[in-house]
Amino acid sequence: FVAKAVLGLTTTVGLIERLMVDRVLRRICGFPPCRKLPSEATFS
C-alpha cells in the first residue's frame, strides 16, 4: 500500500496487476516469488 501511493496507482486491482508483472516490485514489498499473490479480497 505504501508502494501504491508512491507509484501513483489509483486502484487495488492496478496494484495487484503491477505486482503480478513486476518481479522486482514484488520482491521489494516482501512477497516470495514462488508463492501466489493474495487475492483482491485479502488486500481489501
All heavy atoms as atom14 arrays in JSON, in Angstrom:
{
  "sequence": "FVAKAVLGLTTTVGLIERLMVDRVLRRICGFPPCRKLPSEATFS",
  "atom14_mask": [
    [1, 1, 1, 1, 1, 1, 1, 1, 1, 1, 1, 0, 0, 0],
    [1, 1, 1, 1, 1, 1, 1, 0, 0, 0, 0, 0, 0, 0],
    [1, 1, 1, 1, 1, 0, 0, 0, 0, 0, 0, 0, 0, 0],
    [1, 1, 1, 1, 1, 1, 1, 1, 1, 0, 0, 0, 0, 0],
    [1, 1, 1, 1, 1, 0, 0, 0, 0, 0, 0, 0, 0, 0],
    [1, 1, 1, 1, 1, 1, 1, 0, 0, 0, 0, 0, 0, 0],
    [1, 1, 1, 1, 1, 1, 1, 1, 0, 0, 0, 0, 0, 0],
    [1, 1, 1, 1, 0, 0, 0, 0, 0, 0, 0, 0, 0, 0],
    [1, 1, 1, 1, 1, 1, 1, 1, 0, 0, 0, 0, 0, 0],
    [1, 1, 1, 1, 1, 1, 1, 0, 0, 0, 0, 0, 0, 0],
    [1, 1, 1, 1, 1, 1, 1, 0, 0, 0, 0, 0, 0, 0],
    [1, 1, 1, 1, 1, 1, 1, 0, 0, 0, 0, 0, 0, 0],
    [1, 1, 1, 1, 1, 1, 1, 0, 0, 0, 0, 0, 0, 0],
    [1, 1, 1, 1, 0, 0, 0, 0, 0, 0, 0, 0, 0, 0],
    [1, 1, 1, 1, 1, 1, 1, 1, 0, 0, 0, 0, 0, 0],
    [1, 1, 1, 1, 1, 1, 1, 1, 0, 0, 0, 0, 0, 0],
    [1, 1, 1, 1, 1, 1, 1, 1, 1, 0, 0, 0, 0, 0],
    [1, 1, 1, 1, 1, 1, 1, 1, 1, 1, 1, 0, 0, 0],
    [1, 1, 1, 1, 1, 1, 1, 1, 0, 0, 0, 0, 0, 0],
    [1, 1, 1, 1, 1, 1, 1, 1, 0, 0, 0, 0, 0, 0],
    [1, 1, 1, 1, 1, 1, 1, 0, 0, 0, 0, 0, 0, 0],
    [1, 1, 1, 1, 1, 1, 1, 1, 0, 0, 0, 0, 0, 0],
    [1, 1, 1, 1, 1, 1, 1, 1, 1, 1, 1, 0, 0, 0],
    [1, 1, 1, 1, 1, 1, 1, 0, 0, 0, 0, 0, 0, 0],
    [1, 1, 1, 1, 1, 1, 1, 1, 0, 0, 0, 0, 0, 0],
    [1, 1, 1, 1, 1, 1, 1, 1, 1, 1, 1, 0, 0, 0],
    [1, 1, 1, 1, 1, 1, 1, 1, 1, 1, 1, 0, 0, 0],
    [1, 1, 1, 1, 1, 1, 1, 1, 0, 0, 0, 0, 0, 0],
    [1, 1, 1, 1, 1, 1, 0, 0, 0, 0, 0, 0, 0, 0],
    [1, 1, 1, 1, 0, 0, 0, 0, 0, 0, 0, 0, 0, 0],
    [1, 1, 1, 1, 1, 1, 1, 1, 1, 1, 1, 0, 0, 0],
    [1, 1, 1, 1, 1, 1, 1, 0, 0, 0, 0, 0, 0, 0],
    [1, 1, 1, 1, 1, 1, 1, 0, 0, 0, 0, 0, 0, 0],
    [1, 1, 1, 1, 1, 1, 0, 0, 0, 0, 0, 0, 0, 0],
    [1, 1, 1, 1, 1, 1, 1, 1, 1, 1, 1, 0, 0, 0],
    [1, 1, 1, 1, 1, 1, 1, 1, 1, 0, 0, 0, 0, 0],
    [1, 1, 1, 1, 1, 1, 1, 1, 0, 0, 0, 0, 0, 0],
    [1, 1, 1, 1, 1, 1, 1, 0, 0, 0, 0, 0, 0, 0],
    [1, 1, 1, 1, 1, 1, 0, 0, 0, 0, 0, 0, 0, 0],
    [1, 1, 1, 1, 1, 1, 1, 1, 1, 0, 0, 0, 0, 0],
    [1, 1, 1, 1, 1, 0, 0, 0, 0, 0, 0, 0, 0, 0],
    [1, 1, 1, 1, 1, 1, 1, 0, 0, 0, 0, 0, 0, 0],
    [1, 1, 1, 1, 1, 1, 1, 1, 1, 1, 1, 0, 0, 0],
    [1, 1, 1, 1, 1, 1, 0, 0, 0, 0, 0, 0, 0, 0]
  ],
  "atom14_positions": [
    [[0.83, -1.21, 0.0], [0.0, 0.0, 0.0], [0.86, 1.26, 0.0], [0.48, 2.28, -0.59], [-0.94, -0.01, 1.19], [-2.13, -0.92, 1.02], [-2.29, -2.04, 1.81], [-3.07, -0.65, 0.04], [-3.38, -2.89, 1.63], [-4.17, -1.49, -0.15], [-4.32, -2.61, 0.66], [0.0, 0.0, 0.0], [0.0, 0.0, 0.0], [0.0, 0.0, 0.0]],
    [[2.02, 1.22, 0.65], [2.93, 2.36, 0.57], [3.46, 2.51, -0.86], [3.54, 3.62, -1.41], [4.09, 2.2, 1.57], [5.11, 3.31, 1.39], [3.55, 2.2, 3.0], [0.0, 0.0, 0.0], [0.0, 0.0, 0.0], [0.0, 0.0, 0.0], [0.0, 0.0, 0.0], [0.0, 0.0, 0.0], [0.0, 0.0, 0.0], [0.0, 0.0, 0.0]],
    [[3.82, 1.38, -1.49], [4.28, 1.42, -2.88], [3.17, 1.92, -3.81], [3.45, 2.61, -4.79], [4.74, 0.03, -3.31], [0.0, 0.0, 0.0], [0.0, 0.0, 0.0], [0.0, 0.0, 0.0], [0.0, 0.0, 0.0], [0.0, 0.0, 0.0], [0.0, 0.0, 0.0], [0.0, 0.0, 0.0], [0.0, 0.0, 0.0], [0.0, 0.0, 0.0]],
    [[1.92, 1.58, -3.5], [0.81, 2.07, -4.31], [0.74, 3.59, -4.28], [0.5, 4.24, -5.31], [-0.5, 1.47, -3.78], [-1.75, 2.0, -4.44], [-2.99, 1.46, -3.75], [-4.26, 2.1, -4.3], [-5.47, 1.66, -3.59], [0.0, 0.0, 0.0], [0.0, 0.0, 0.0], [0.0, 0.0, 0.0], [0.0, 0.0, 0.0], [0.0, 0.0, 0.0]],
    [[0.96, 4.19, -3.1], [0.94, 5.65, -3.0], [2.13, 6.27, -3.71], [2.0, 7.31, -4.36], [0.92, 6.07, -1.53], [0.0, 0.0, 0.0], [0.0, 0.0, 0.0], [0.0, 0.0, 0.0], [0.0, 0.0, 0.0], [0.0, 0.0, 0.0], [0.0, 0.0, 0.0], [0.0, 0.0, 0.0], [0.0, 0.0, 0.0], [0.0, 0.0, 0.0]],
    [[3.29, 5.65, -3.61], [4.49, 6.22, -4.23], [4.4, 6.14, -5.75], [4.76, 7.1, -6.47], [5.75, 5.49, -3.72], [6.99, 6.0, -4.44], [5.89, 5.69, -2.22], [0.0, 0.0, 0.0], [0.0, 0.0, 0.0], [0.0, 0.0, 0.0], [0.0, 0.0, 0.0], [0.0, 0.0, 0.0], [0.0, 0.0, 0.0], [0.0, 0.0, 0.0]],
    [[3.9, 5.02, -6.28], [3.82, 4.83, -7.73], [2.61, 5.52, -8.34], [2.5, 5.56, -9.57], [3.79, 3.34, -8.05], [5.03, 2.53, -7.64], [4.82, 1.06, -7.91], [6.26, 3.04, -8.39], [0.0, 0.0, 0.0], [0.0, 0.0, 0.0], [0.0, 0.0, 0.0], [0.0, 0.0, 0.0], [0.0, 0.0, 0.0], [0.0, 0.0, 0.0]],
    [[1.7, 6.03, -7.51], [0.53, 6.72, -8.04], [-0.51, 5.8, -8.64], [-1.26, 6.22, -9.53], [0.0, 0.0, 0.0], [0.0, 0.0, 0.0], [0.0, 0.0, 0.0], [0.0, 0.0, 0.0], [0.0, 0.0, 0.0], [0.0, 0.0, 0.0], [0.0, 0.0, 0.0], [0.0, 0.0, 0.0], [0.0, 0.0, 0.0], [0.0, 0.0, 0.0]],
    [[-0.6, 4.56, -8.16], [-1.61, 3.63, -8.64], [-2.96, 3.98, -8.02], [-3.05, 4.22, -6.82], [-1.21, 2.18, -8.28], [0.15, 1.73, -8.82], [0.47, 0.34, -8.32], [0.16, 1.78, -10.34], [0.0, 0.0, 0.0], [0.0, 0.0, 0.0], [0.0, 0.0, 0.0], [0.0, 0.0, 0.0], [0.0, 0.0, 0.0], [0.0, 0.0, 0.0]],
    [[-4.0, 4.0, -8.84], [-5.28, 4.51, -8.38], [-6.14, 3.46, -7.69], [-6.92, 3.8, -6.8], [-6.06, 5.1, -9.56], [-6.22, 4.08, -10.57], [-5.32, 6.28, -10.16], [0.0, 0.0, 0.0], [0.0, 0.0, 0.0], [0.0, 0.0, 0.0], [0.0, 0.0, 0.0], [0.0, 0.0, 0.0], [0.0, 0.0, 0.0], [0.0, 0.0, 0.0]],
    [[-6.03, 2.19, -8.07], [-6.9, 1.16, -7.53], [-6.08, 0.0, -7.0], [-4.91, -0.18, -7.36], [-7.87, 0.64, -8.6], [-7.12, 0.06, -9.67], [-8.74, 1.77, -9.13], [0.0, 0.0, 0.0], [0.0, 0.0, 0.0], [0.0, 0.0, 0.0], [0.0, 0.0, 0.0], [0.0, 0.0, 0.0], [0.0, 0.0, 0.0], [0.0, 0.0, 0.0]],
    [[-6.72, -0.81, -6.15], [-6.07, -2.02, -5.64], [-5.89, -3.04, -6.75], [-4.9, -3.79, -6.75], [-6.91, -2.61, -4.5], [-7.1, -1.61, -3.48], [-6.23, -3.8, -3.87], [0.0, 0.0, 0.0], [0.0, 0.0, 0.0], [0.0, 0.0, 0.0], [0.0, 0.0, 0.0], [0.0, 0.0, 0.0], [0.0, 0.0, 0.0], [0.0, 0.0, 0.0]],
    [[-6.82, -3.1, -7.69], [-6.67, -4.01, -8.82], [-5.43, -3.65, -9.64], [-4.66, -4.54, -10.06], [-7.94, -3.98, -9.7], [-7.76, -4.85, -10.94], [-9.15, -4.43, -8.91], [0.0, 0.0, 0.0], [0.0, 0.0, 0.0], [0.0, 0.0, 0.0], [0.0, 0.0, 0.0], [0.0, 0.0, 0.0], [0.0, 0.0, 0.0], [0.0, 0.0, 0.0]],
    [[-5.2, -2.36, -9.84], [-3.99, -1.94, -10.54], [-2.73, -2.3, -9.79], [-1.71, -2.66, -10.38], [0.0, 0.0, 0.0], [0.0, 0.0, 0.0], [0.0, 0.0, 0.0], [0.0, 0.0, 0.0], [0.0, 0.0, 0.0], [0.0, 0.0, 0.0], [0.0, 0.0, 0.0], [0.0, 0.0, 0.0], [0.0, 0.0, 0.0], [0.0, 0.0, 0.0]],
    [[-2.78, -2.23, -8.45], [-1.63, -2.63, -7.64], [-1.34, -4.11, -7.79], [-0.17, -4.52, -7.94], [-1.89, -2.27, -6.18], [-0.87, -2.78, -5.15], [0.5, -2.17, -5.4], [-1.35, -2.48, -3.74], [0.0, 0.0, 0.0], [0.0, 0.0, 0.0], [0.0, 0.0, 0.0], [0.0, 0.0, 0.0], [0.0, 0.0, 0.0], [0.0, 0.0, 0.0]],
    [[-2.38, -4.94, -7.77], [-2.18, -6.39, -7.91], [-1.64, -6.73, -9.29], [-0.73, -7.56, -9.44], [-3.5, -7.12, -7.63], [-3.95, -6.88, -6.19], [-3.36, -8.62, -7.89], [-5.3, -7.46, -5.85], [0.0, 0.0, 0.0], [0.0, 0.0, 0.0], [0.0, 0.0, 0.0], [0.0, 0.0, 0.0], [0.0, 0.0, 0.0], [0.0, 0.0, 0.0]],
    [[-2.16, -6.07, -10.33], [-1.65, -6.32, -11.68], [-0.19, -5.9, -11.81], [0.6, -6.59, -12.47], [-2.52, -5.58, -12.69], [-3.94, -6.11, -12.8], [-4.78, -5.3, -13.76], [-4.27, -4.23, -14.23], [-5.93, -5.7, -14.04], [0.0, 0.0, 0.0], [0.0, 0.0, 0.0], [0.0, 0.0, 0.0], [0.0, 0.0, 0.0], [0.0, 0.0, 0.0]],
    [[0.17, -4.81, -11.16], [1.58, -4.37, -11.22], [2.48, -5.37, -10.49], [3.58, -5.68, -10.95], [1.69, -2.99, -10.59], [3.12, -2.44, -10.52], [3.69, -2.16, -11.89], [5.06, -1.69, -11.81], [5.4, -0.4, -11.74], [4.45, 0.54, -11.71], [6.65, -0.03, -11.69], [0.0, 0.0, 0.0], [0.0, 0.0, 0.0], [0.0, 0.0, 0.0]],
    [[2.01, -5.91, -9.36], [2.8, -6.9, -8.65], [2.93, -8.2, -9.43], [3.95, -8.9, -9.32], [2.17, -7.17, -7.28], [2.25, -6.05, -6.24], [1.4, -6.38, -5.02], [3.7, -5.83, -5.81], [0.0, 0.0, 0.0], [0.0, 0.0, 0.0], [0.0, 0.0, 0.0], [0.0, 0.0, 0.0], [0.0, 0.0, 0.0], [0.0, 0.0, 0.0]],
    [[1.93, -8.52, -10.22], [1.98, -9.77, -10.99], [2.99, -9.7, -12.12], [3.66, -10.69, -12.43], [0.59, -10.08, -11.55], [-0.43, -10.48, -10.49], [-2.07, -10.78, -11.18], [-1.73, -12.18, -12.25], [0.0, 0.0, 0.0], [0.0, 0.0, 0.0], [0.0, 0.0, 0.0], [0.0, 0.0, 0.0], [0.0, 0.0, 0.0], [0.0, 0.0, 0.0]],
    [[3.13, -8.53, -12.72], [4.03, -8.41, -13.87], [5.4, -7.87, -13.49], [6.36, -8.03, -14.25], [3.41, -7.51, -14.95], [2.08, -8.08, -15.42], [3.2, -6.09, -14.44], [0.0, 0.0, 0.0], [0.0, 0.0, 0.0], [0.0, 0.0, 0.0], [0.0, 0.0, 0.0], [0.0, 0.0, 0.0], [0.0, 0.0, 0.0], [0.0, 0.0, 0.0]],
    [[5.52, -7.24, -12.33], [6.79, -6.64, -11.92], [7.41, -7.52, -10.83], [7.04, -7.45, -9.65], [6.55, -5.22, -11.4], [7.83, -4.41, -11.33], [8.91, -5.02, -11.22], [7.75, -3.17, -11.36], [0.0, 0.0, 0.0], [0.0, 0.0, 0.0], [0.0, 0.0, 0.0], [0.0, 0.0, 0.0], [0.0, 0.0, 0.0], [0.0, 0.0, 0.0]],
    [[8.35, -8.35, -11.22], [9.0, -9.24, -10.27], [9.83, -8.47, -9.26], [9.92, -8.85, -8.09], [9.89, -10.23, -11.04], [10.65, -11.22, -10.18], [11.42, -12.17, -11.07], [12.39, -11.45, -11.88], [13.65, -11.22, -11.51], [14.08, -11.65, -10.33], [14.48, -10.58, -12.31], [0.0, 0.0, 0.0], [0.0, 0.0, 0.0], [0.0, 0.0, 0.0]],
    [[10.42, -7.36, -9.67], [11.26, -6.57, -8.77], [10.42, -5.91, -7.68], [10.77, -5.93, -6.5], [12.06, -5.53, -9.56], [12.94, -4.7, -8.63], [12.91, -6.21, -10.63], [0.0, 0.0, 0.0], [0.0, 0.0, 0.0], [0.0, 0.0, 0.0], [0.0, 0.0, 0.0], [0.0, 0.0, 0.0], [0.0, 0.0, 0.0], [0.0, 0.0, 0.0]],
    [[9.29, -5.34, -8.07], [8.41, -4.71, -7.08], [7.88, -5.73, -6.08], [7.77, -5.43, -4.88], [7.26, -4.0, -7.79], [6.23, -3.3, -6.88], [6.89, -2.2, -6.06], [5.08, -2.72, -7.7], [0.0, 0.0, 0.0], [0.0, 0.0, 0.0], [0.0, 0.0, 0.0], [0.0, 0.0, 0.0], [0.0, 0.0, 0.0], [0.0, 0.0, 0.0]],
    [[7.55, -6.92, -6.56], [7.07, -7.95, -5.64], [8.15, -8.31, -4.62], [7.87, -8.49, -3.45], [6.67, -9.19, -6.43], [6.05, -10.27, -5.57], [5.88, -11.57, -6.32], [5.12, -11.4, -7.57], [4.73, -12.42, -8.33], [5.03, -13.66, -7.97], [4.06, -12.19, -9.44], [0.0, 0.0, 0.0], [0.0, 0.0, 0.0], [0.0, 0.0, 0.0]],
    [[9.38, -8.38, -5.07], [10.47, -8.7, -4.15], [10.72, -7.56, -3.18], [11.04, -7.78, -2.0], [11.75, -8.99, -4.94], [12.94, -9.39, -4.09], [12.69, -10.73, -3.43], [13.77, -11.09, -2.53], [13.8, -10.77, -1.25], [12.81, -10.07, -0.71], [14.81, -11.12, -0.49], [0.0, 0.0, 0.0], [0.0, 0.0, 0.0], [0.0, 0.0, 0.0]],
    [[10.59, -6.31, -3.63], [10.79, -5.16, -2.75], [9.75, -5.14, -1.63], [10.06, -4.86, -0.47], [10.75, -3.86, -3.57], [11.97, -3.77, -4.49], [10.7, -2.64, -2.66], [11.92, -2.61, -5.45], [0.0, 0.0, 0.0], [0.0, 0.0, 0.0], [0.0, 0.0, 0.0], [0.0, 0.0, 0.0], [0.0, 0.0, 0.0], [0.0, 0.0, 0.0]],
    [[8.49, -5.43, -1.97], [7.43, -5.43, -0.96], [7.54, -6.6, 0.0], [6.94, -6.55, 1.09], [6.07, -5.44, -1.63], [5.7, -3.94, -2.56], [0.0, 0.0, 0.0], [0.0, 0.0, 0.0], [0.0, 0.0, 0.0], [0.0, 0.0, 0.0], [0.0, 0.0, 0.0], [0.0, 0.0, 0.0], [0.0, 0.0, 0.0], [0.0, 0.0, 0.0]],
    [[8.27, -7.65, -0.37], [8.46, -8.79, 0.52], [7.75, -10.05, 0.11], [7.91, -11.08, 0.78], [0.0, 0.0, 0.0], [0.0, 0.0, 0.0], [0.0, 0.0, 0.0], [0.0, 0.0, 0.0], [0.0, 0.0, 0.0], [0.0, 0.0, 0.0], [0.0, 0.0, 0.0], [0.0, 0.0, 0.0], [0.0, 0.0, 0.0], [0.0, 0.0, 0.0]],
    [[6.95, -10.05, -0.96], [6.23, -11.25, -1.38], [7.21, -12.27, -1.97], [8.02, -11.92, -2.83], [5.16, -10.9, -2.43], [4.07, -10.03, -1.91], [4.06, -8.68, -2.18], [3.04, -10.56, -1.15], [3.05, -7.87, -1.71], [2.03, -9.75, -0.66], [2.03, -8.41, -0.94], [0.0, 0.0, 0.0], [0.0, 0.0, 0.0], [0.0, 0.0, 0.0]],
    [[7.16, -13.51, -1.53], [8.06, -14.54, -2.1], [7.74, -14.76, -3.57], [6.57, -14.82, -3.97], [7.76, -15.78, -1.25], [7.1, -15.28, -0.02], [6.35, -14.05, -0.43], [0.0, 0.0, 0.0], [0.0, 0.0, 0.0], [0.0, 0.0, 0.0], [0.0, 0.0, 0.0], [0.0, 0.0, 0.0], [0.0, 0.0, 0.0], [0.0, 0.0, 0.0]],
    [[8.75, -14.92, -4.4], [8.49, -15.11, -5.85], [7.86, -16.45, -6.16], [7.24, -16.61, -7.22], [9.87, -14.97, -6.47], [10.83, -15.3, -5.37], [10.19, -14.83, -4.1], [0.0, 0.0, 0.0], [0.0, 0.0, 0.0], [0.0, 0.0, 0.0], [0.0, 0.0, 0.0], [0.0, 0.0, 0.0], [0.0, 0.0, 0.0], [0.0, 0.0, 0.0]],
    [[7.99, -17.43, -5.26], [7.47, -18.76, -5.55], [6.03, -18.95, -5.07], [5.45, -20.02, -5.3], [8.36, -19.82, -4.9], [8.55, -19.6, -3.11], [0.0, 0.0, 0.0], [0.0, 0.0, 0.0], [0.0, 0.0, 0.0], [0.0, 0.0, 0.0], [0.0, 0.0, 0.0], [0.0, 0.0, 0.0], [0.0, 0.0, 0.0], [0.0, 0.0, 0.0]],
    [[5.43, -17.97, -4.42], [4.09, -18.09, -3.9], [3.13, -17.21, -4.69], [3.51, -16.19, -5.26], [4.04, -17.71, -2.42], [4.74, -18.7, -1.5], [4.71, -18.25, -0.06], [3.34, -18.01, 0.41], [3.07, -17.61, 1.66], [4.06, -17.37, 2.52], [1.82, -17.43, 2.02], [0.0, 0.0, 0.0], [0.0, 0.0, 0.0], [0.0, 0.0, 0.0]],
    [[1.86, -17.61, -4.68], [0.83, -16.85, -5.38], [0.49, -15.59, -4.6], [0.47, -15.6, -3.37], [-0.4, -17.73, -5.56], [-1.52, -17.07, -6.35], [-2.71, -18.0, -6.49], [-3.84, -17.32, -7.25], [-5.02, -18.22, -7.39], [0.0, 0.0, 0.0], [0.0, 0.0, 0.0], [0.0, 0.0, 0.0], [0.0, 0.0, 0.0], [0.0, 0.0, 0.0]],
    [[0.21, -14.52, -5.34], [-0.16, -13.26, -4.69], [-1.51, -13.4, -4.0], [-2.38, -14.16, -4.44], [-0.21, -12.13, -5.71], [1.11, -11.52, -6.17], [0.85, -10.51, -7.27], [1.82, -10.86, -5.01], [0.0, 0.0, 0.0], [0.0, 0.0, 0.0], [0.0, 0.0, 0.0], [0.0, 0.0, 0.0], [0.0, 0.0, 0.0], [0.0, 0.0, 0.0]],
    [[-1.74, -12.65, -2.91], [-3.07, -12.66, -2.28], [-4.13, -12.12, -3.22], [-3.86, -11.36, -4.16], [-2.89, -11.76, -1.05], [-1.42, -11.7, -0.82], [-0.77, -11.85, -2.15], [0.0, 0.0, 0.0], [0.0, 0.0, 0.0], [0.0, 0.0, 0.0], [0.0, 0.0, 0.0], [0.0, 0.0, 0.0], [0.0, 0.0, 0.0], [0.0, 0.0, 0.0]],
    [[-5.37, -12.5, -2.96], [-6.48, -12.06, -3.79], [-6.84, -10.61, -3.48], [-6.36, -10.01, -2.51], [-7.7, -12.96, -3.57], [-8.13, -12.86, -2.22], [0.0, 0.0, 0.0], [0.0, 0.0, 0.0], [0.0, 0.0, 0.0], [0.0, 0.0, 0.0], [0.0, 0.0, 0.0], [0.0, 0.0, 0.0], [0.0, 0.0, 0.0], [0.0, 0.0, 0.0]],
    [[-7.71, -10.06, -4.31], [-8.17, -8.69, -4.08], [-8.91, -8.56, -2.75], [-8.81, -7.54, -2.06], [-9.06, -8.25, -5.24], [-9.56, -6.82, -5.13], [-10.49, -6.44, -6.26], [-10.66, -7.26, -7.18], [-11.06, -5.34, -6.21], [0.0, 0.0, 0.0], [0.0, 0.0, 0.0], [0.0, 0.0, 0.0], [0.0, 0.0, 0.0], [0.0, 0.0, 0.0]],
    [[-9.68, -9.59, -2.39], [-10.4, -9.56, -1.12], [-9.43, -9.51, 0.07], [-9.69, -8.83, 1.06], [-11.31, -10.78, -1.0], [0.0, 0.0, 0.0], [0.0, 0.0, 0.0], [0.0, 0.0, 0.0], [0.0, 0.0, 0.0], [0.0, 0.0, 0.0], [0.0, 0.0, 0.0], [0.0, 0.0, 0.0], [0.0, 0.0, 0.0], [0.0, 0.0, 0.0]],
    [[-8.31, -10.22, -0.04], [-7.32, -10.18, 1.04], [-6.72, -8.79, 1.19], [-6.54, -8.29, 2.3], [-6.21, -11.21, 0.77], [-6.8, -12.51, 0.64], [-5.2, -11.23, 1.9], [0.0, 0.0, 0.0], [0.0, 0.0, 0.0], [0.0, 0.0, 0.0], [0.0, 0.0, 0.0], [0.0, 0.0, 0.0], [0.0, 0.0, 0.0], [0.0, 0.0, 0.0]],
    [[-6.42, -8.15, 0.05], [-5.92, -6.78, 0.1], [-6.95, -5.85, 0.74], [-6.6, -4.97, 1.55], [-5.56, -6.3, -1.31], [-4.18, -6.66, -1.75], [-3.93, -7.88, -2.38], [-3.12, -5.81, -1.55], [-2.66, -8.22, -2.79], [-1.84, -6.13, -1.96], [-1.61, -7.35, -2.6], [0.0, 0.0, 0.0], [0.0, 0.0, 0.0], [0.0, 0.0, 0.0]],
    [[-8.22, -6.02, 0.39], [-9.27, -5.15, 0.93], [-9.44, -5.35, 2.43], [-9.6, -4.38, 3.18], [-10.59, -5.41, 0.2], [-10.47, -5.11, -1.18], [0.0, 0.0, 0.0], [0.0, 0.0, 0.0], [0.0, 0.0, 0.0], [0.0, 0.0, 0.0], [0.0, 0.0, 0.0], [0.0, 0.0, 0.0], [0.0, 0.0, 0.0], [0.0, 0.0, 0.0]]
  ]
}
